Every structure is written in C-alpha cells, then in structure tokens.
Amino acid sequence: MVKITCDNCGAEKPEKLPATVEWILGYDLETETPRSMQRSIRLLDHWDDRRVLELGAIHLCSLQCRDEYMKLSAARMSAKA
C-alpha cells in the first residue's frame, strides 16, 4: 500500500476523502543541459490515482499548500540563478 503525503506540509492523504476535500496532483520537473536549466510546474485539474507515482509527481493537500509550494519553488529557482 502506498502512503501519499503532502509535499508542502507532510499531511497524509486518507484513503477515502469527503467530497468537499480535494487533493491537488501535479508535476515539478527540472531539465538541465550544459547551457541552460528549465523548470516546469504543472497542476492537474483533478486527482488521478493512476498517476501519483509518476516521475516528478507532486501531491498537495490544499490550495494553501499549493500557494506555499509555488512560493518556495520560485524562491529556490531565484536562489539558483
């Protein structure tokens, strides 16, 4: 059995969620070449259990965690520049 945790706050996703609670699934991928580095964050419009273990998948438990994750990602990218 796979346990999904929020990539921002570490909350664990329960197996059954109430209809009012929706987790966010997305991808945070980084590509680096000798001359450049590219980062892409994409959020899906719905949760898909078949895709939770794909390379670069991110799991977020709320809109607040999504916003915090995006801010932290932007700060990490500007620090690398």
C-alpha atoms as a PDB file:
ATOM      1  CA  MET A   1       0.000   0.000   0.000  1.00  0.00           C
ATOM      2  CA  VAL A   2       1.277   3.460  -0.912  1.00  0.00           C
ATOM      3  CA  LYS A   3       1.000   6.363   1.521  1.00  0.00           C
ATOM      4  CA  ILE A   4       0.660   9.748  -0.142  1.00  0.00           C
ATOM      5  CA  THR A   5       1.887  12.786   1.781  1.00  0.00           C
ATOM      6  CA  CYS A   6       1.606  16.478   1.006  1.00  0.00           C
ATOM      7  CA  ASP A   7       4.854  17.737  -0.497  1.00  0.00           C
ATOM      8  CA  ASN A   8       4.452  21.011   1.361  1.00  0.00           C
ATOM      9  CA  CYS A   9       3.223  20.239   4.896  1.00  0.00           C
ATOM     10  CA  GLY A  10       3.640  16.462   5.132  1.00  0.00           C
ATOM     11  CA  ALA A  11      -0.036  15.685   5.850  1.00  0.00           C
ATOM     12  CA  GLU A  12      -1.006  12.128   4.965  1.00  0.00           C
ATOM     13  CA  LYS A  13      -3.765  11.568   2.395  1.00  0.00           C
ATOM     14  CA  PRO A  14      -6.529   9.310   3.760  1.00  0.00           C
ATOM     15  CA  GLU A  15      -7.813   6.504   1.535  1.00  0.00           C
ATOM     16  CA  LYS A  16     -11.348   7.897   1.490  1.00  0.00           C
ATOM     17  CA  LEU A  17     -11.855  11.651   1.320  1.00  0.00           C
ATOM     18  CA  PRO A  18     -15.069  13.575   1.885  1.00  0.00           C
ATOM     19  CA  ALA A  19     -16.463  15.080  -1.322  1.00  0.00           C
ATOM     20  CA  THR A  20     -15.605  18.565  -0.041  1.00  0.00           C
ATOM     21  CA  VAL A  21     -11.869  17.770   0.310  1.00  0.00           C
ATOM     22  CA  GLU A  22      -9.809  17.524  -2.851  1.00  0.00           C
ATOM     23  CA  TRP A  23      -6.071  16.981  -3.062  1.00  0.00           C
ATOM     24  CA  ILE A  24      -4.049  18.516  -5.892  1.00  0.00           C
ATOM     25  CA  LEU A  25      -1.841  16.419  -8.154  1.00  0.00           C
ATOM     26  CA  GLY A  26       0.814  17.945 -10.359  1.00  0.00           C
ATOM     27  CA  TYR A  27       4.330  17.666 -11.711  1.00  0.00           C
ATOM     28  CA  ASP A  28       7.518  19.505 -10.809  1.00  0.00           C
ATOM     29  CA  LEU A  29      10.106  18.682 -13.441  1.00  0.00           C
ATOM     30  CA  GLU A  30      13.578  20.088 -13.938  1.00  0.00           C
ATOM     31  CA  THR A  31      15.682  19.694 -17.079  1.00  0.00           C
ATOM     32  CA  GLU A  32      19.307  20.718 -17.196  1.00  0.00           C
ATOM     33  CA  THR A  33      21.615  20.950 -20.180  1.00  0.00           C
ATOM     34  CA  PRO A  34      25.183  22.264 -20.282  1.00  0.00           C
ATOM     35  CA  ARG A  35      23.864  25.664 -21.407  1.00  0.00           C
ATOM     36  CA  SER A  36      20.556  26.044 -19.593  1.00  0.00           C
ATOM     37  CA  MET A  37      18.195  24.846 -16.902  1.00  0.00           C
ATOM     38  CA  GLN A  38      14.426  24.675 -17.241  1.00  0.00           C
ATOM     39  CA  ARG A  39      11.836  24.009 -14.590  1.00  0.00           C
ATOM     40  CA  SER A  40       8.182  23.324 -15.163  1.00  0.00           C
ATOM     41  CA  ILE A  41       5.414  23.015 -12.578  1.00  0.00           C
ATOM     42  CA  ARG A  42       2.077  21.790 -13.873  1.00  0.00           C
ATOM     43  CA  LEU A  43      -1.032  21.169 -11.813  1.00  0.00           C
ATOM     44  CA  LEU A  44      -3.737  18.793 -12.990  1.00  0.00           C
ATOM     45  CA  ASP A  45      -7.410  19.753 -12.830  1.00  0.00           C
ATOM     46  CA  HIS A  46      -8.343  16.546 -10.972  1.00  0.00           C
ATOM     47  CA  TRP A  47      -6.755  13.814  -8.862  1.00  0.00           C
ATOM     48  CA  ASP A  48      -5.753  10.670 -10.759  1.00  0.00           C
ATOM     49  CA  ASP A  49      -4.716   7.672  -8.618  1.00  0.00           C
ATOM     50  CA  ARG A  50      -3.057   6.045 -11.637  1.00  0.00           C
ATOM     51  CA  ARG A  51      -0.546   8.907 -11.931  1.00  0.00           C
ATOM     52  CA  VAL A  52       0.506   9.515  -8.300  1.00  0.00           C
ATOM     53  CA  LEU A  53       3.773   7.575  -8.613  1.00  0.00           C
ATOM     54  CA  GLU A  54       4.948   9.042 -11.927  1.00  0.00           C
ATOM     55  CA  LEU A  55       8.319  10.774 -12.157  1.00  0.00           C
ATOM     56  CA  GLY A  56       8.145  14.311 -10.777  1.00  0.00           C
ATOM     57  CA  ALA A  57       4.648  13.945  -9.304  1.00  0.00           C
ATOM     58  CA  ILE A  58       3.776  16.367  -6.506  1.00  0.00           C
ATOM     59  CA  HIS A  59       0.901  15.954  -4.066  1.00  0.00           C
ATOM     60  CA  LEU A  60      -0.665  18.915  -2.273  1.00  0.00           C
ATOM     61  CA  CYS A  61      -3.426  18.720   0.333  1.00  0.00           C
ATOM     62  CA  SER A  62      -4.980  22.180  -0.080  1.00  0.00           C
ATOM     63  CA  LEU A  63      -4.958  25.423  -2.016  1.00  0.00           C
ATOM     64  CA  GLN A  64      -2.945  26.985   0.807  1.00  0.00           C
ATOM     65  CA  CYS A  65      -0.252  24.302   0.470  1.00  0.00           C
ATOM     66  CA  ARG A  66      -0.297  24.775  -3.313  1.00  0.00           C
ATOM     67  CA  ASP A  67       0.335  28.505  -2.905  1.00  0.00           C
ATOM     68  CA  GLU A  68       3.119  27.948  -0.354  1.00  0.00           C
ATOM     69  CA  TYR A  69       4.751  25.295  -2.570  1.00  0.00           C
ATOM     70  CA  MET A  70       4.715  27.672  -5.548  1.00  0.00           C
ATOM     71  CA  LYS A  71       6.282  30.474  -3.464  1.00  0.00           C
ATOM     72  CA  LEU A  72       9.007  28.183  -2.136  1.00  0.00           C
ATOM     73  CA  SER A  73       9.699  26.859  -5.634  1.00  0.00           C
ATOM     74  CA  ALA A  74      10.050  30.378  -7.014  1.00  0.00           C
ATOM     75  CA  ALA A  75      12.419  31.297  -4.181  1.00  0.00           C
ATOM     76  CA  ARG A  76      14.567  28.191  -4.833  1.00  0.00           C
ATOM     77  CA  MET A  77      14.758  28.997  -8.537  1.00  0.00           C
ATOM     78  CA  SER A  78      15.782  32.619  -7.942  1.00  0.00           C
ATOM     79  CA  ALA A  79      18.448  31.442  -5.477  1.00  0.00           C
ATOM     80  CA  LYS A  80      19.942  29.179  -8.165  1.00  0.00           C
ATOM     81  CA  ALA A  81      20.075  31.997 -10.727  1.00  0.00           C
END
